[in-house]
Amino acid sequence: MVDTAARDSGMSFDTLNSAQRTSMSSDSICSTSFSRLSFDLLPTSPDTLSVKPHRSSDFAYSAIRSATFRRKSALTFRDFHLLRRIGAGDIGTVYLCRLRDSAGVAASDEFPSAEYDNWNSNGEDESPGCLYAMKVVDKEAVAMKNKSQRAEMERKILKMLDHPFLPTLYAEFEASHFSCIVMEFCPGGDLHSLRHKQPQKRFPVSSARFYGAEVLVALEYLHMLGIIYRDLKPENVLVRSDGHIMLSDFDLSLCSHAIPAVEPHRTFLVPNTNTRTPLFSCLFRSTKVQTLNPNRLFVAEPVGARSSSFVGTHEYVSPEVASGNSHGNAVDWWSFGIFLYELLYGYTPFAAASNDVTLRNIIKKPLGFPTAAASSTLEQHARDLIRGLLHKDPTRRLGSKRGAADVKNHPFFGGMNLALIRMMNPPEVPYLRRQKTVPRSRSSRRVQATASFDCF
């Protein structure tokens, strides 16, 4: 049975404007109707709202926590004001929303213009209340398509994550036959739409290097948790308000386990004889950068994970998936190579007029580049990295044995402090212009703001 890659970058404003490539499914988009919605909500205790260290300075997360403890119970559907639909995928629909205040009025009622225009040039929300993305899954519709397990997998994984480049699960609840999860909203769109805004519809090598490095760090964290992503593509890489990235859509992911190990280093590290590094030093801010012994390297890769499911997006699936064989962690490193290729050259290397031909190309066609020679040393390093990642034999593919530990040490990422990459300036920071509006009465504004959602 063929599963599909949800082409939905659900938490992104620009997602619906992205060019959609064909996925491996003929299922229609899940149409979610709220006409039968009741408020037999099933909240959990506020004690279950886990602490997220990487969200300690996040105003949106703080607002969720404050609202939860203020009402002395978990948040429910009534605590959010839906603004509009911003995405639809194979298993759910995503809405832009805000928290309501204690009087039950959405904070955005004072801002009747397009809510996205409340962001200033620094990427900060100047309006009272933050924007969130609420993914709503119709459990009955998903069950009819035999995809309930995918929805549960995404929820399970989101509960595990706490990383700067991965989504934060702010709240979860159920309303009637709907399952709802509230996450961060990314106003910068996705890298697919952002690429189409670049000259010649491709990123400069330096920009591709930056985005690739952040995706690499996110994949490293996922693999440390034993999670194989299996759906890496530009549409699923969203851009936050600060210009840094966030991976999305985990319904196709595979959960396994990784066994941490310390192995000999094959290249070089700057020695530091006075200190030893925390294993997860790349995930925390620190005023002092520490490194492992130069001859030792921390490795945590789910090398034992295996699956026979046919999942992914045609242009991004690995040869072992395209040929119907079982696959493991190496599929993510193949997809990473395709991802880098598309950012650099504006298209994927094995794409064809039909899906069948695309899959045949993935299995048999040799890798090629637009020009015989690279235009710079950095691009030459990028091509060498892509060749290693796009090895058709998964056992010889770069990253298949030691994961990100080997990929990070490639010369393409040389000179980058990946442990502190979130402190670097991104190539672009979203700028959402504020529109001027004519003041209206509060009551009329409220009617217009909720006109599309009268059933609430």
Foldseek 3Di string as FASTA:
>chain_A
DADWAWLKLQQEQCLVVFDGADIGDPDDWDDDDCLVWAAPKDFDFLVPQDDFVLCPVPPQLVVLNVVCVVVRTHDDPLQKDFFAWRIITRFWTKTKIWGADPVSHGQCLQPLPDLLQQAAPQLDRPGPTDIKIKTKGQQVSCVVVVQNQLVVQQVVVLVVDRFPAAKHFSHWMDIVRMTMTIIHHAHQAWQSVVLCVDVVSADDLVQLLLLLLLVQLVCQVCQQQQKQQQEDARNQWGAHQQGHTHGDRRSPIDHDHWDKDKAFDPDWDDADVPDADDPVLLGDDDPDDHYHHGGIDIFTGNLVDKDQHLYYGLLQAALCSLVRHIDDNLSSLSSSLQRSLCNHNVHGFQDDPDSNSSSVCNNDPDGDDPDPDDPDPLVVLSVVLSCQSSDNPSVRRPQSPRHSRRSCPRCNNPPPPSSPSVVDRRPDRDRNHNDDDDDDDSVVSSCVSCVVPVSD
